[in-house]
Amino acid sequence: MLAMDDVPKVVSFDEFRLYYDSTERVTDRRLETNRWNYSTSVAILLAIAAIVRWGVTSAEFRWVSVGAVVFLSLMAILFCQLWLAQIRDFKRLNDAKFEVLNRMAPLLDFDTDHPGRVQSYCPFQREWDRLKDEGAVDRVRKINVIALKSSHMEQFIPRAFQLVFAAAVAALIVILLIPPSLPTFAPTKAVPNQG
């Protein structure tokens, strides 16, 4: 295993480009995973709505629908927790990859015929330093990486879905525990006495 300090004096630009491309693919995978997880969460919400409608219109299946909604909601909450873990893992992987790229950049040799003639400008490090100077980055405490402030929004969406699914369970519990104040039967029309 190579130590992070065990680096060559010169790094091939092709190797750098290959590694950069793999870093971009990780970002693309993360975005695609987020789209998939979002679609799955919306589908679960639609399924819960359909089950609730089915349970309301069909008295003999009311308890089955309550159980199904509770089960689906609890599974969806766990699914959102998995989604958050995926986001953390992808961010850690990207953070490590960009750290390696930043360490490689000063060692790049663009002109193999004349080594040392052309040096890297270290654009990733300069960009990151500029973002830090402008206050556009934050340390994400839970996963111990530094990321753009807007990346907190990425974690907001699964948390919002968790709240919606938890609210569905809480609403069912409240509905089941509070006795109905409205009549459970249709009122009959009173016929005036014609006597």
N, C-alpha and C. Protein backbone atom coordinates (compact mmCIF):
# COMPACT_ATOMS: atom_id res chain seq x y z
N MET A 1 0.85 -1.19 0.00
CA MET A 1 0.00 0.00 0.00
C MET A 1 0.89 1.25 0.00
N LEU A 2 0.56 2.19 -0.87
CA LEU A 2 1.33 3.41 -0.98
C LEU A 2 0.89 4.42 0.08
N ALA A 3 1.86 5.08 0.65
CA ALA A 3 1.55 6.16 1.58
C ALA A 3 1.28 7.42 0.78
N MET A 4 0.48 8.34 1.32
CA MET A 4 0.15 9.57 0.60
C MET A 4 1.39 10.43 0.37
N ASP A 5 2.43 10.24 1.18
CA ASP A 5 3.66 11.02 1.02
C ASP A 5 4.61 10.37 0.02
N ASP A 6 4.34 9.12 -0.35
CA ASP A 6 5.20 8.37 -1.26
C ASP A 6 4.78 8.70 -2.70
N VAL A 7 5.26 9.84 -3.22
CA VAL A 7 4.83 10.30 -4.55
C VAL A 7 6.02 10.38 -5.49
N PRO A 8 5.77 10.17 -6.78
CA PRO A 8 6.84 10.30 -7.76
C PRO A 8 7.18 11.78 -7.98
N LYS A 9 8.30 12.03 -8.63
CA LYS A 9 8.70 13.42 -8.89
C LYS A 9 7.89 14.02 -10.03
N VAL A 10 7.46 13.19 -10.96
CA VAL A 10 6.70 13.66 -12.12
C VAL A 10 5.51 12.72 -12.33
N VAL A 11 4.37 13.31 -12.71
CA VAL A 11 3.16 12.54 -12.94
C VAL A 11 2.73 12.76 -14.39
N SER A 12 2.29 11.70 -15.03
CA SER A 12 1.82 11.76 -16.41
C SER A 12 0.48 12.50 -16.48
N PHE A 13 0.37 13.37 -17.50
CA PHE A 13 -0.90 14.07 -17.69
C PHE A 13 -2.01 13.10 -18.05
N ASP A 14 -1.70 12.06 -18.79
CA ASP A 14 -2.72 11.07 -19.15
C ASP A 14 -3.27 10.37 -17.91
N GLU A 15 -2.39 10.07 -16.96
CA GLU A 15 -2.85 9.46 -15.71
C GLU A 15 -3.75 10.43 -14.94
N PHE A 16 -3.35 11.69 -14.91
CA PHE A 16 -4.14 12.72 -14.24
C PHE A 16 -5.53 12.82 -14.89
N ARG A 17 -5.56 12.87 -16.22
CA ARG A 17 -6.83 12.98 -16.95
C ARG A 17 -7.72 11.76 -16.70
N LEU A 18 -7.13 10.58 -16.71
CA LEU A 18 -7.88 9.35 -16.45
C LEU A 18 -8.49 9.39 -15.04
N TYR A 19 -7.71 9.83 -14.08
CA TYR A 19 -8.20 9.90 -12.70
C TYR A 19 -9.28 10.97 -12.56
N TYR A 20 -9.11 12.10 -13.26
CA TYR A 20 -10.12 13.15 -13.23
C TYR A 20 -11.44 12.63 -13.82
N ASP A 21 -11.36 11.90 -14.92
CA ASP A 21 -12.57 11.34 -15.53
C ASP A 21 -13.28 10.39 -14.57
N SER A 22 -12.52 9.60 -13.82
CA SER A 22 -13.16 8.70 -12.85
C SER A 22 -13.82 9.49 -11.73
N THR A 23 -13.25 10.63 -11.38
CA THR A 23 -13.85 11.50 -10.36
C THR A 23 -15.17 12.07 -10.86
N GLU A 24 -15.20 12.47 -12.11
CA GLU A 24 -16.44 12.99 -12.69
C GLU A 24 -17.50 11.90 -12.77
N ARG A 25 -17.10 10.68 -13.05
CA ARG A 25 -18.07 9.58 -13.10
C ARG A 25 -18.69 9.32 -11.73
N VAL A 26 -17.93 9.50 -10.68
CA VAL A 26 -18.48 9.35 -9.32
C VAL A 26 -19.56 10.41 -9.08
N THR A 27 -19.29 11.63 -9.50
CA THR A 27 -20.28 12.70 -9.36
C THR A 27 -21.55 12.37 -10.16
N ASP A 28 -21.35 11.90 -11.38
CA ASP A 28 -22.51 11.54 -12.21
C ASP A 28 -23.31 10.40 -11.57
N ARG A 29 -22.62 9.41 -11.01
CA ARG A 29 -23.31 8.30 -10.34
C ARG A 29 -24.10 8.80 -9.14
N ARG A 30 -23.52 9.73 -8.40
CA ARG A 30 -24.21 10.27 -7.23
C ARG A 30 -25.49 10.99 -7.66
N LEU A 31 -25.42 11.80 -8.71
CA LEU A 31 -26.61 12.50 -9.19
C LEU A 31 -27.66 11.53 -9.70
N GLU A 32 -27.23 10.50 -10.41
CA GLU A 32 -28.17 9.49 -10.93
C GLU A 32 -28.81 8.72 -9.77
N THR A 33 -28.03 8.40 -8.76
CA THR A 33 -28.57 7.71 -7.58
C THR A 33 -29.59 8.60 -6.87
N ASN A 34 -29.30 9.89 -6.77
CA ASN A 34 -30.27 10.81 -6.15
C ASN A 34 -31.56 10.87 -6.95
N ARG A 35 -31.46 10.91 -8.28
CA ARG A 35 -32.68 10.92 -9.11
C ARG A 35 -33.50 9.64 -8.89
N TRP A 36 -32.80 8.51 -8.86
CA TRP A 36 -33.49 7.23 -8.65
C TRP A 36 -34.17 7.20 -7.28
N ASN A 37 -33.45 7.61 -6.25
CA ASN A 37 -34.01 7.60 -4.90
C ASN A 37 -35.19 8.56 -4.78
N TYR A 38 -35.11 9.71 -5.42
CA TYR A 38 -36.21 10.67 -5.41
C TYR A 38 -37.44 10.04 -6.08
N SER A 39 -37.24 9.43 -7.24
CA SER A 39 -38.35 8.80 -7.96
C SER A 39 -38.98 7.68 -7.12
N THR A 40 -38.14 6.90 -6.46
CA THR A 40 -38.64 5.82 -5.61
C THR A 40 -39.46 6.38 -4.45
N SER A 41 -38.99 7.45 -3.84
CA SER A 41 -39.71 8.05 -2.72
C SER A 41 -41.06 8.61 -3.16
N VAL A 42 -41.09 9.24 -4.33
CA VAL A 42 -42.36 9.76 -4.85
C VAL A 42 -43.31 8.60 -5.15
N ALA A 43 -42.79 7.52 -5.71
CA ALA A 43 -43.62 6.34 -5.99
C ALA A 43 -44.19 5.76 -4.69
N ILE A 44 -43.40 5.73 -3.64
CA ILE A 44 -43.88 5.23 -2.35
C ILE A 44 -44.99 6.14 -1.82
N LEU A 45 -44.81 7.45 -1.95
CA LEU A 45 -45.86 8.39 -1.52
C LEU A 45 -47.15 8.16 -2.30
N LEU A 46 -47.04 7.95 -3.60
CA LEU A 46 -48.23 7.69 -4.41
C LEU A 46 -48.89 6.37 -3.99
N ALA A 47 -48.08 5.36 -3.68
CA ALA A 47 -48.63 4.08 -3.22
C ALA A 47 -49.36 4.26 -1.89
N ILE A 48 -48.79 5.04 -0.99
CA ILE A 48 -49.44 5.30 0.30
C ILE A 48 -50.77 6.01 0.08
N ALA A 49 -50.78 6.99 -0.81
CA ALA A 49 -52.04 7.71 -1.10
C ALA A 49 -53.09 6.75 -1.68
N ALA A 50 -52.68 5.86 -2.57
CA ALA A 50 -53.63 4.89 -3.15
C ALA A 50 -54.16 3.94 -2.09
N ILE A 51 -53.28 3.50 -1.19
CA ILE A 51 -53.70 2.58 -0.13
C ILE A 51 -54.67 3.28 0.82
N VAL A 52 -54.40 4.53 1.16
CA VAL A 52 -55.30 5.29 2.04
C VAL A 52 -56.67 5.44 1.37
N ARG A 53 -56.66 5.77 0.10
CA ARG A 53 -57.94 5.92 -0.62
C ARG A 53 -58.70 4.59 -0.63
N TRP A 54 -57.99 3.52 -0.87
CA TRP A 54 -58.60 2.18 -0.89
C TRP A 54 -59.19 1.85 0.47
N GLY A 55 -58.44 2.17 1.55
CA GLY A 55 -58.91 1.88 2.90
C GLY A 55 -60.10 2.72 3.31
N VAL A 56 -60.18 3.95 2.82
CA VAL A 56 -61.30 4.83 3.15
C VAL A 56 -62.57 4.37 2.45
N THR A 57 -62.44 3.90 1.23
CA THR A 57 -63.63 3.51 0.47
C THR A 57 -64.09 2.09 0.76
N SER A 58 -63.28 1.33 1.44
CA SER A 58 -63.59 -0.08 1.65
C SER A 58 -63.43 -0.40 3.13
N ALA A 59 -64.54 -0.39 3.87
CA ALA A 59 -64.50 -0.56 5.33
C ALA A 59 -63.88 -1.88 5.77
N GLU A 60 -64.12 -2.96 5.01
CA GLU A 60 -63.58 -4.27 5.44
C GLU A 60 -62.06 -4.34 5.30
N PHE A 61 -61.47 -3.44 4.50
CA PHE A 61 -60.00 -3.45 4.33
C PHE A 61 -59.32 -2.29 5.05
N ARG A 62 -60.07 -1.59 5.90
CA ARG A 62 -59.52 -0.41 6.57
C ARG A 62 -58.27 -0.75 7.39
N TRP A 63 -58.33 -1.82 8.18
CA TRP A 63 -57.19 -2.18 9.03
C TRP A 63 -56.01 -2.70 8.22
N VAL A 64 -56.32 -3.38 7.13
CA VAL A 64 -55.24 -3.83 6.23
C VAL A 64 -54.53 -2.61 5.65
N SER A 65 -55.30 -1.61 5.25
CA SER A 65 -54.68 -0.42 4.67
C SER A 65 -53.88 0.36 5.72
N VAL A 66 -54.37 0.41 6.95
CA VAL A 66 -53.61 1.08 8.01
C VAL A 66 -52.27 0.37 8.22
N GLY A 67 -52.32 -0.95 8.30
CA GLY A 67 -51.07 -1.72 8.47
C GLY A 67 -50.12 -1.53 7.30
N ALA A 68 -50.67 -1.51 6.08
CA ALA A 68 -49.84 -1.33 4.89
C ALA A 68 -49.19 0.06 4.87
N VAL A 69 -49.96 1.08 5.24
CA VAL A 69 -49.41 2.44 5.26
C VAL A 69 -48.31 2.56 6.31
N VAL A 70 -48.55 2.01 7.49
CA VAL A 70 -47.52 2.07 8.54
C VAL A 70 -46.26 1.32 8.09
N PHE A 71 -46.44 0.12 7.55
CA PHE A 71 -45.29 -0.66 7.09
C PHE A 71 -44.53 0.07 5.98
N LEU A 72 -45.25 0.55 4.98
CA LEU A 72 -44.60 1.26 3.87
C LEU A 72 -43.89 2.52 4.36
N SER A 73 -44.51 3.25 5.25
CA SER A 73 -43.91 4.49 5.76
C SER A 73 -42.64 4.20 6.54
N LEU A 74 -42.67 3.17 7.39
CA LEU A 74 -41.47 2.83 8.16
C LEU A 74 -40.34 2.35 7.24
N MET A 75 -40.69 1.56 6.23
CA MET A 75 -39.67 1.11 5.27
C MET A 75 -39.12 2.31 4.48
N ALA A 76 -39.98 3.26 4.15
CA ALA A 76 -39.55 4.45 3.41
C ALA A 76 -38.61 5.31 4.25
N ILE A 77 -38.89 5.40 5.55
CA ILE A 77 -38.00 6.15 6.45
C ILE A 77 -36.61 5.50 6.44
N LEU A 78 -36.57 4.17 6.52
CA LEU A 78 -35.28 3.47 6.46
C LEU A 78 -34.61 3.66 5.09
N PHE A 79 -35.40 3.65 4.03
CA PHE A 79 -34.87 3.88 2.69
C PHE A 79 -34.22 5.25 2.60
N CYS A 80 -34.86 6.27 3.17
CA CYS A 80 -34.29 7.62 3.16
C CYS A 80 -33.00 7.68 3.97
N GLN A 81 -32.91 6.88 5.03
CA GLN A 81 -31.68 6.83 5.81
C GLN A 81 -30.55 6.23 4.95
N LEU A 82 -30.88 5.20 4.19
CA LEU A 82 -29.92 4.62 3.25
C LEU A 82 -29.50 5.66 2.22
N TRP A 83 -30.44 6.43 1.73
CA TRP A 83 -30.17 7.48 0.75
C TRP A 83 -29.17 8.48 1.32
N LEU A 84 -29.38 8.91 2.56
CA LEU A 84 -28.44 9.83 3.21
C LEU A 84 -27.05 9.22 3.33
N ALA A 85 -26.99 7.93 3.65
CA ALA A 85 -25.69 7.25 3.75
C ALA A 85 -25.00 7.20 2.39
N GLN A 86 -25.77 6.99 1.32
CA GLN A 86 -25.19 6.99 -0.02
C GLN A 86 -24.60 8.36 -0.35
N ILE A 87 -25.31 9.41 -0.02
CA ILE A 87 -24.81 10.76 -0.27
C ILE A 87 -23.50 10.98 0.48
N ARG A 88 -23.46 10.58 1.75
CA ARG A 88 -22.23 10.73 2.54
C ARG A 88 -21.08 9.96 1.92
N ASP A 89 -21.33 8.71 1.51
CA ASP A 89 -20.27 7.89 0.93
C ASP A 89 -19.75 8.48 -0.38
N PHE A 90 -20.65 8.94 -1.23
CA PHE A 90 -20.22 9.55 -2.49
C PHE A 90 -19.42 10.82 -2.24
N LYS A 91 -19.85 11.62 -1.27
CA LYS A 91 -19.12 12.85 -0.95
C LYS A 91 -17.72 12.53 -0.41
N ARG A 92 -17.62 11.53 0.44
CA ARG A 92 -16.30 11.14 0.95
C ARG A 92 -15.39 10.67 -0.18
N LEU A 93 -15.95 9.87 -1.09
CA LEU A 93 -15.17 9.38 -2.21
C LEU A 93 -14.71 10.53 -3.10
N ASN A 94 -15.61 11.46 -3.41
CA ASN A 94 -15.23 12.62 -4.22
C ASN A 94 -14.19 13.47 -3.51
N ASP A 95 -14.35 13.66 -2.22
CA ASP A 95 -13.40 14.45 -1.45
C ASP A 95 -12.00 13.83 -1.54
N ALA A 96 -11.92 12.51 -1.38
CA ALA A 96 -10.63 11.82 -1.47
C ALA A 96 -10.05 11.93 -2.87
N LYS A 97 -10.89 11.77 -3.89
CA LYS A 97 -10.40 11.85 -5.27
C LYS A 97 -9.86 13.24 -5.59
N PHE A 98 -10.57 14.29 -5.17
CA PHE A 98 -10.08 15.64 -5.45
C PHE A 98 -8.82 15.96 -4.64
N GLU A 99 -8.69 15.37 -3.47
CA GLU A 99 -7.46 15.56 -2.71
C GLU A 99 -6.28 14.95 -3.47
N VAL A 100 -6.48 13.76 -4.04
CA VAL A 100 -5.42 13.12 -4.84
C VAL A 100 -5.11 13.97 -6.07
N LEU A 101 -6.14 14.46 -6.75
CA LEU A 101 -5.92 15.30 -7.94
C LEU A 101 -5.13 16.56 -7.58
N ASN A 102 -5.46 17.17 -6.44
CA ASN A 102 -4.74 18.37 -6.01
C ASN A 102 -3.28 18.06 -5.71
N ARG A 103 -3.00 16.88 -5.20
CA ARG A 103 -1.61 16.50 -4.94
C ARG A 103 -0.86 16.15 -6.22
N MET A 104 -1.60 15.65 -7.21
CA MET A 104 -0.99 15.29 -8.49
C MET A 104 -0.67 16.53 -9.34
N ALA A 105 -1.51 17.54 -9.27
CA ALA A 105 -1.41 18.68 -10.18
C ALA A 105 -0.02 19.33 -10.21
N PRO A 106 0.62 19.60 -9.07
CA PRO A 106 1.92 20.26 -9.15
C PRO A 106 3.01 19.35 -9.75
N LEU A 107 2.75 18.07 -9.82
CA LEU A 107 3.76 17.12 -10.32
C LEU A 107 3.57 16.78 -11.79
N LEU A 108 2.56 17.38 -12.43
CA LEU A 108 2.28 17.06 -13.83
C LEU A 108 3.41 17.51 -14.74
N ASP A 109 3.66 16.68 -15.74
CA ASP A 109 4.61 17.05 -16.77
C ASP A 109 3.88 16.94 -18.10
N PHE A 110 3.64 18.07 -18.71
CA PHE A 110 2.86 18.12 -19.94
C PHE A 110 3.71 17.84 -21.18
N ASP A 111 4.97 18.15 -21.11
CA ASP A 111 5.86 18.02 -22.26
C ASP A 111 6.92 16.97 -21.94
N THR A 112 6.69 15.74 -22.40
CA THR A 112 7.62 14.65 -22.07
C THR A 112 8.95 14.80 -22.79
N ASP A 113 8.96 15.56 -23.90
CA ASP A 113 10.23 15.78 -24.61
C ASP A 113 11.13 16.76 -23.87
N HIS A 114 10.53 17.67 -23.13
CA HIS A 114 11.28 18.67 -22.36
C HIS A 114 10.74 18.71 -20.93
N PRO A 115 11.12 17.74 -20.11
CA PRO A 115 10.58 17.68 -18.74
C PRO A 115 10.83 18.96 -17.94
N GLY A 116 9.83 19.35 -17.18
CA GLY A 116 9.95 20.51 -16.30
C GLY A 116 9.73 21.83 -17.00
N ARG A 117 9.57 21.82 -18.30
CA ARG A 117 9.41 23.05 -19.07
C ARG A 117 8.04 23.70 -18.84
N VAL A 118 7.00 22.86 -18.75
CA VAL A 118 5.64 23.35 -18.54
C VAL A 118 5.18 22.83 -17.18
N GLN A 119 4.66 23.75 -16.37
CA GLN A 119 4.19 23.36 -15.04
C GLN A 119 2.69 23.56 -14.92
N SER A 120 2.09 22.84 -14.00
CA SER A 120 0.66 22.94 -13.76
C SER A 120 0.34 24.22 -13.01
N TYR A 121 -0.78 24.78 -13.33
CA TYR A 121 -1.30 25.95 -12.64
C TYR A 121 -2.05 25.53 -11.37
N CYS A 122 -2.28 24.25 -11.20
CA CYS A 122 -3.04 23.69 -10.06
C CYS A 122 -4.44 24.32 -9.99
N PRO A 123 -5.22 24.21 -11.07
CA PRO A 123 -6.51 24.90 -11.12
C PRO A 123 -7.51 24.45 -10.05
N PHE A 124 -7.53 23.15 -9.72
CA PHE A 124 -8.49 22.68 -8.71
C PHE A 124 -8.20 23.31 -7.35
N GLN A 125 -6.93 23.34 -6.98
CA GLN A 125 -6.56 23.92 -5.69
C GLN A 125 -6.86 25.41 -5.67
N ARG A 126 -6.56 26.10 -6.76
CA ARG A 126 -6.83 27.54 -6.82
C ARG A 126 -8.33 27.83 -6.76
N GLU A 127 -9.10 27.02 -7.47
CA GLU A 127 -10.56 27.18 -7.44
C GLU A 127 -11.08 26.97 -6.02
N TRP A 128 -10.60 25.93 -5.37
CA TRP A 128 -11.05 25.61 -4.02
C TRP A 128 -10.66 26.72 -3.04
N ASP A 129 -9.44 27.23 -3.17
CA ASP A 129 -8.99 28.33 -2.32
C ASP A 129 -9.87 29.57 -2.52
N ARG A 130 -10.22 29.85 -3.75
CA ARG A 130 -11.09 30.99 -4.05
C ARG A 130 -12.45 30.81 -3.42
N LEU A 131 -13.01 29.61 -3.53
CA LEU A 131 -14.32 29.34 -2.92
C LEU A 131 -14.25 29.50 -1.41
N LYS A 132 -13.15 29.05 -0.81
CA LYS A 132 -12.98 29.22 0.64
C LYS A 132 -12.92 30.71 1.00
N ASP A 133 -12.16 31.48 0.21
CA ASP A 133 -12.04 32.92 0.48
C ASP A 133 -13.38 33.63 0.40
N GLU A 134 -14.24 33.17 -0.50
CA GLU A 134 -15.56 33.79 -0.66
C GLU A 134 -16.58 33.25 0.34
N GLY A 135 -16.20 32.29 1.16
CA GLY A 135 -17.12 31.73 2.15
C GLY A 135 -18.16 30.82 1.54
N ALA A 136 -17.85 30.23 0.39
CA ALA A 136 -18.82 29.39 -0.31
C ALA A 136 -18.74 27.93 0.10
N VAL A 137 -17.84 27.59 1.01
CA VAL A 137 -17.70 26.20 1.44
C VAL A 137 -17.91 26.10 2.94
N ASP A 138 -18.32 24.93 3.34
CA ASP A 138 -18.58 24.62 4.75
C ASP A 138 -18.05 23.23 5.05
N ARG A 139 -17.71 22.99 6.29
CA ARG A 139 -17.37 21.63 6.70
C ARG A 139 -18.67 20.92 7.03
N VAL A 140 -18.89 19.78 6.38
CA VAL A 140 -20.06 18.96 6.68
C VAL A 140 -19.65 18.11 7.87
N ARG A 141 -20.17 18.46 9.03
CA ARG A 141 -19.69 17.86 10.28
C ARG A 141 -19.87 16.35 10.35
N LYS A 142 -21.03 15.87 9.94
CA LYS A 142 -21.32 14.44 10.11
C LYS A 142 -20.40 13.55 9.29
N ILE A 143 -19.95 14.04 8.13
CA ILE A 143 -19.11 13.19 7.29
C ILE A 143 -17.68 13.71 7.17
N ASN A 144 -17.39 14.81 7.85
CA ASN A 144 -16.04 15.35 7.95
C ASN A 144 -15.41 15.62 6.58
N VAL A 145 -16.14 16.30 5.71
CA VAL A 145 -15.60 16.77 4.44
C VAL A 145 -15.95 18.24 4.30
N ILE A 146 -15.20 18.92 3.46
CA ILE A 146 -15.52 20.31 3.15
C ILE A 146 -16.22 20.30 1.81
N ALA A 147 -17.39 20.94 1.75
CA ALA A 147 -18.20 20.94 0.53
C ALA A 147 -18.80 22.32 0.32
N LEU A 148 -19.31 22.53 -0.88
CA LEU A 148 -20.02 23.78 -1.16
C LEU A 148 -21.23 23.88 -0.24
N LYS A 149 -21.56 25.09 0.17
CA LYS A 149 -22.69 25.29 1.08
C LYS A 149 -23.99 24.76 0.49
N SER A 150 -24.14 24.86 -0.82
CA SER A 150 -25.38 24.39 -1.45
C SER A 150 -25.53 22.88 -1.38
N SER A 151 -24.46 22.15 -1.08
CA SER A 151 -24.56 20.69 -1.04
C SER A 151 -25.39 20.20 0.15
N HIS A 152 -25.67 21.09 1.11
CA HIS A 152 -26.56 20.71 2.21
C HIS A 152 -27.97 20.46 1.69
N MET A 153 -28.34 21.11 0.58
CA MET A 153 -29.66 20.89 -0.01
C MET A 153 -29.83 19.45 -0.47
N GLU A 154 -28.75 18.85 -0.89
CA GLU A 154 -28.81 17.47 -1.35
C GLU A 154 -29.29 16.55 -0.23
N GLN A 155 -28.91 16.86 1.00
CA GLN A 155 -29.33 16.05 2.14
C GLN A 155 -30.71 16.48 2.66
N PHE A 156 -31.14 17.67 2.30
CA PHE A 156 -32.45 18.16 2.74
C PHE A 156 -33.58 17.31 2.17
N ILE A 157 -33.47 16.93 0.91
CA ILE A 157 -34.57 16.23 0.23
C ILE A 157 -34.88 14.89 0.91
N PRO A 158 -33.89 14.01 1.15
CA PRO A 158 -34.26 12.76 1.84
C PRO A 158 -34.77 13.00 3.26
N ARG A 159 -34.26 14.02 3.92
CA ARG A 159 -34.78 14.32 5.27
C ARG A 159 -36.23 14.80 5.20
N ALA A 160 -36.54 15.59 4.18
CA ALA A 160 -37.93 16.05 4.01
C ALA A 160 -38.86 14.86 3.75
N PHE A 161 -38.40 13.93 2.92
CA PHE A 161 -39.21 12.73 2.68
C PHE A 161 -39.38 11.93 3.98
N GLN A 162 -38.33 11.84 4.79
CA GLN A 162 -38.45 11.13 6.07
C GLN A 162 -39.54 11.78 6.92
N LEU A 163 -39.56 13.10 6.96
CA LEU A 163 -40.59 13.80 7.75
C LEU A 163 -41.99 13.52 7.21
N VAL A 164 -42.14 13.50 5.89
CA VAL A 164 -43.45 13.23 5.29
C VAL A 164 -43.91 11.81 5.66
N PHE A 165 -43.00 10.84 5.56
CA PHE A 165 -43.37 9.47 5.90
C PHE A 165 -43.66 9.32 7.39
N ALA A 166 -42.90 10.00 8.23
CA ALA A 166 -43.17 9.97 9.67
C ALA A 166 -44.51 10.65 9.97
N ALA A 167 -44.82 11.72 9.25
CA ALA A 167 -46.10 12.40 9.45
C ALA A 167 -47.27 11.49 9.06
N ALA A 168 -47.08 10.68 8.04
CA ALA A 168 -48.14 9.73 7.65
C ALA A 168 -48.42 8.75 8.79
N VAL A 169 -47.38 8.24 9.41
CA VAL A 169 -47.56 7.31 10.54
C VAL A 169 -48.20 8.04 11.71
N ALA A 170 -47.71 9.24 12.02
CA ALA A 170 -48.26 10.01 13.14
C ALA A 170 -49.73 10.34 12.90
N ALA A 171 -50.08 10.71 11.68
CA ALA A 171 -51.48 11.03 11.37
C ALA A 171 -52.38 9.82 11.55
N LEU A 172 -51.90 8.65 11.14
CA LEU A 172 -52.69 7.44 11.33
C LEU A 172 -52.87 7.12 12.81
N ILE A 173 -51.83 7.31 13.58
CA ILE A 173 -51.93 7.05 15.03
C ILE A 173 -52.94 8.00 15.67
N VAL A 174 -52.86 9.27 15.30
CA VAL A 174 -53.80 10.25 15.85
C VAL A 174 -55.23 9.90 15.45
N ILE A 175 -55.42 9.55 14.19
CA ILE A 175 -56.76 9.19 13.71
C ILE A 175 -57.30 7.97 14.45
N LEU A 176 -56.44 7.01 14.73
CA LEU A 176 -56.88 5.80 15.42
C LEU A 176 -57.14 6.02 16.91
N LEU A 177 -56.39 6.93 17.53
CA LEU A 177 -56.53 7.15 18.97
C LEU A 177 -57.64 8.12 19.34
N ILE A 178 -57.93 9.07 18.48
CA ILE A 178 -58.96 10.06 18.81
C ILE A 178 -60.31 9.53 18.34
N PRO A 179 -61.27 9.47 19.27
CA PRO A 179 -62.59 8.98 18.86
C PRO A 179 -63.23 9.96 17.88
N PRO A 180 -63.94 9.44 16.91
CA PRO A 180 -64.54 10.33 15.91
C PRO A 180 -65.62 11.20 16.54
N SER A 181 -65.63 12.47 16.19
CA SER A 181 -66.64 13.38 16.72
C SER A 181 -67.79 13.54 15.73
N LEU A 182 -67.57 13.05 14.54
CA LEU A 182 -68.64 13.11 13.53
C LEU A 182 -69.36 11.78 13.52
N PRO A 183 -70.64 11.78 13.14
CA PRO A 183 -71.36 10.50 13.07
C PRO A 183 -70.74 9.61 12.00
N THR A 184 -70.79 8.32 12.25
CA THR A 184 -70.22 7.37 11.31
C THR A 184 -71.25 6.84 10.35
N PHE A 185 -72.49 7.32 10.46
CA PHE A 185 -73.54 6.88 9.56
C PHE A 185 -74.14 8.12 8.89
N ALA A 186 -74.77 7.89 7.76
CA ALA A 186 -75.37 8.99 7.02
C ALA A 186 -76.66 9.44 7.71
N PRO A 187 -76.86 10.74 7.85
CA PRO A 187 -78.09 11.21 8.49
C PRO A 187 -79.31 10.86 7.63
N THR A 188 -80.41 10.56 8.32
CA THR A 188 -81.65 10.27 7.60
C THR A 188 -82.47 11.53 7.55
N LYS A 189 -83.23 11.63 6.49
CA LYS A 189 -84.07 12.80 6.32
C LYS A 189 -85.32 12.65 7.19
N ALA A 190 -85.53 13.59 8.01
CA ALA A 190 -86.73 13.55 8.86
C ALA A 190 -87.93 13.99 8.05
N VAL A 191 -88.99 13.21 8.10
CA VAL A 191 -90.21 13.52 7.37
C VAL A 191 -91.14 14.26 8.34
N PRO A 192 -91.58 15.44 7.95
CA PRO A 192 -92.48 16.17 8.86
C PRO A 192 -93.80 15.43 9.09
N ASN A 193 -94.29 15.55 10.28
CA ASN A 193 -95.53 14.87 10.66
C ASN A 193 -96.70 15.52 9.97
N GLN A 194 -97.48 14.77 9.22
CA GLN A 194 -98.58 15.31 8.43
C GLN A 194 -99.92 15.05 9.12
N GLY A 195 -100.00 15.05 10.27
CA GLY A 195 -101.14 14.64 11.01
C GLY A 195 -102.18 15.56 11.30
